[in-house]
Protein backbone atom coordinates (compact mmCIF):
# COMPACT_ATOMS: atom_id res chain seq x y z
CA GLN A 1 -13.89 37.52 -74.12
CA VAL A 2 -14.96 33.95 -74.66
CA GLN A 3 -12.11 31.59 -75.51
CA LEU A 4 -12.51 28.19 -77.06
CA VAL A 5 -9.57 25.89 -77.35
CA GLU A 6 -9.73 22.76 -79.54
CA SER A 7 -7.46 19.71 -79.30
CA GLY A 8 -7.28 16.16 -80.57
CA GLY A 9 -6.82 16.61 -84.27
CA GLY A 10 -4.27 14.66 -86.23
CA LEU A 11 -3.56 12.14 -89.04
CA VAL A 12 -5.64 8.99 -89.03
CA GLN A 13 -6.19 6.17 -91.55
CA PRO A 14 -9.54 5.61 -93.15
CA GLY A 15 -11.88 3.74 -90.88
CA GLY A 16 -10.01 5.05 -87.82
CA SER A 17 -11.25 7.19 -84.92
CA LEU A 18 -10.40 10.42 -83.28
CA ARG A 19 -11.83 12.45 -80.42
CA LEU A 20 -11.83 16.20 -80.55
CA SER A 21 -12.17 18.32 -77.39
CA CYS A 22 -13.16 21.95 -76.98
CA VAL A 23 -12.48 23.68 -73.62
CA ALA A 24 -14.32 26.89 -73.01
CA SER A 25 -13.16 29.77 -70.80
CA GLU A 26 -16.57 29.77 -69.13
CA SER A 27 -19.48 27.48 -68.52
CA ILE A 28 -20.83 26.07 -71.76
CA PHE A 29 -24.30 26.30 -70.14
CA ASN A 30 -24.03 30.09 -70.54
CA PHE A 31 -24.57 29.53 -74.28
CA ASN A 32 -27.69 28.53 -76.22
CA ALA A 33 -25.69 25.81 -78.06
CA MET A 34 -22.25 24.47 -78.62
CA GLY A 35 -21.17 22.94 -81.90
CA TRP A 36 -18.49 21.67 -84.21
CA TYR A 37 -18.01 22.95 -87.74
CA ARG A 38 -15.42 22.05 -90.38
CA GLN A 39 -13.84 23.60 -93.44
CA ALA A 40 -12.05 21.70 -96.12
CA PRO A 41 -9.70 23.38 -98.57
CA GLY A 42 -11.62 25.31 -101.17
CA LYS A 43 -15.01 24.75 -99.44
CA GLU A 44 -17.22 26.74 -97.18
CA ARG A 45 -17.39 26.07 -93.45
CA GLU A 46 -20.10 23.57 -92.67
CA LEU A 47 -21.97 22.40 -89.61
CA VAL A 48 -20.92 19.00 -88.24
CA ALA A 49 -22.81 18.70 -85.03
CA THR A 50 -24.48 20.84 -82.27
CA ILE A 51 -25.78 20.27 -78.82
CA ASN A 52 -28.07 22.78 -77.20
CA VAL A 53 -28.36 23.77 -73.61
CA GLY A 54 -31.10 21.21 -73.12
CA GLY A 55 -28.86 18.43 -74.49
CA VAL A 56 -30.60 18.06 -77.82
CA THR A 57 -28.15 17.10 -80.59
CA ASN A 58 -28.12 17.73 -84.27
CA TYR A 59 -25.85 16.22 -86.91
CA ALA A 60 -25.03 16.80 -90.60
CA ASP A 61 -26.36 13.95 -92.74
CA SER A 62 -22.80 13.14 -93.76
CA VAL A 63 -21.68 12.25 -90.21
CA LYS A 64 -24.87 10.71 -88.73
CA GLY A 65 -24.11 7.39 -87.16
CA ARG A 66 -20.35 7.98 -87.15
CA PHE A 67 -19.83 11.11 -85.05
CA THR A 68 -21.11 11.86 -81.54
CA ILE A 69 -21.14 15.19 -79.79
CA SER A 70 -21.24 15.27 -76.05
CA ARG A 71 -20.60 17.43 -73.01
CA ASP A 72 -18.01 16.64 -70.32
CA GLY A 73 -18.57 18.71 -67.24
CA SER A 74 -19.32 22.37 -67.50
CA THR A 75 -16.61 23.62 -69.76
CA THR A 76 -15.85 20.86 -72.36
CA VAL A 77 -17.55 19.63 -75.49
CA ASN A 78 -16.23 16.60 -77.27
CA LEU A 79 -16.70 15.18 -80.76
CA GLN A 80 -16.12 11.46 -81.05
CA MET A 81 -15.43 10.56 -84.65
CA THR A 82 -15.48 6.96 -85.85
CA GLY A 83 -15.43 5.35 -89.29
CA LEU A 84 -13.45 8.34 -90.62
CA LYS A 85 -13.31 8.83 -94.32
CA PRO A 86 -10.91 10.91 -96.54
CA GLU A 87 -13.76 13.37 -97.16
CA ASP A 88 -13.79 14.15 -93.42
CA THR A 89 -10.42 15.84 -93.85
CA ALA A 90 -10.77 19.46 -92.78
CA VAL A 91 -10.03 21.94 -90.12
CA TYR A 92 -12.56 21.44 -87.32
CA TYR A 93 -13.72 24.46 -85.34
CA CYS A 94 -15.52 24.60 -82.01
CA ASN A 95 -18.35 27.08 -81.86
CA ALA A 96 -20.46 28.67 -79.08
CA ARG A 97 -23.70 30.47 -79.79
CA LEU A 98 -25.35 33.03 -77.57
CA LEU A 99 -28.50 34.35 -79.23
CA GLN A 100 -27.16 35.75 -82.52
CA ARG A 101 -23.56 35.90 -81.47
CA TYR A 102 -21.11 33.25 -82.43
CA TYR A 103 -17.67 32.53 -80.84
CA TRP A 104 -15.04 30.41 -82.58
CA GLY A 105 -11.92 28.47 -81.62
CA GLN A 106 -8.75 28.51 -83.61
CA GLY A 107 -9.42 25.13 -85.23
CA THR A 108 -7.71 21.78 -85.25
CA GLN A 109 -6.66 19.85 -88.39
CA VAL A 110 -8.04 16.42 -89.02
CA THR A 111 -6.48 14.49 -91.90
CA VAL A 112 -7.79 11.11 -92.97
CA SER A 113 -5.40 9.38 -95.31
CA SER A 114 -3.59 6.10 -95.86
């Protein structure tokens, strides 16, 4: 069973930065893509950023230029978040996709507030 463990969430002021990390129980190169999603209260889960096995990245329009997804070794995917806004407040989930199968972490809370 694939396990994904997120860390790095917390409370940050508007304009601040955070780095989220996701450690997988197996090589992330076993998957077609890794990604970060988020879910705010009362809203549906939405894509934030993905990186495929070839290293191609994709971002939601709302985070382009502020967030960066990257790989660190063979088991970790990071999400560097800068210029955080109150609307970025959400639970952030790590995701691994293998063909049509998706695996999820337990989520980490990010709160942007003064």
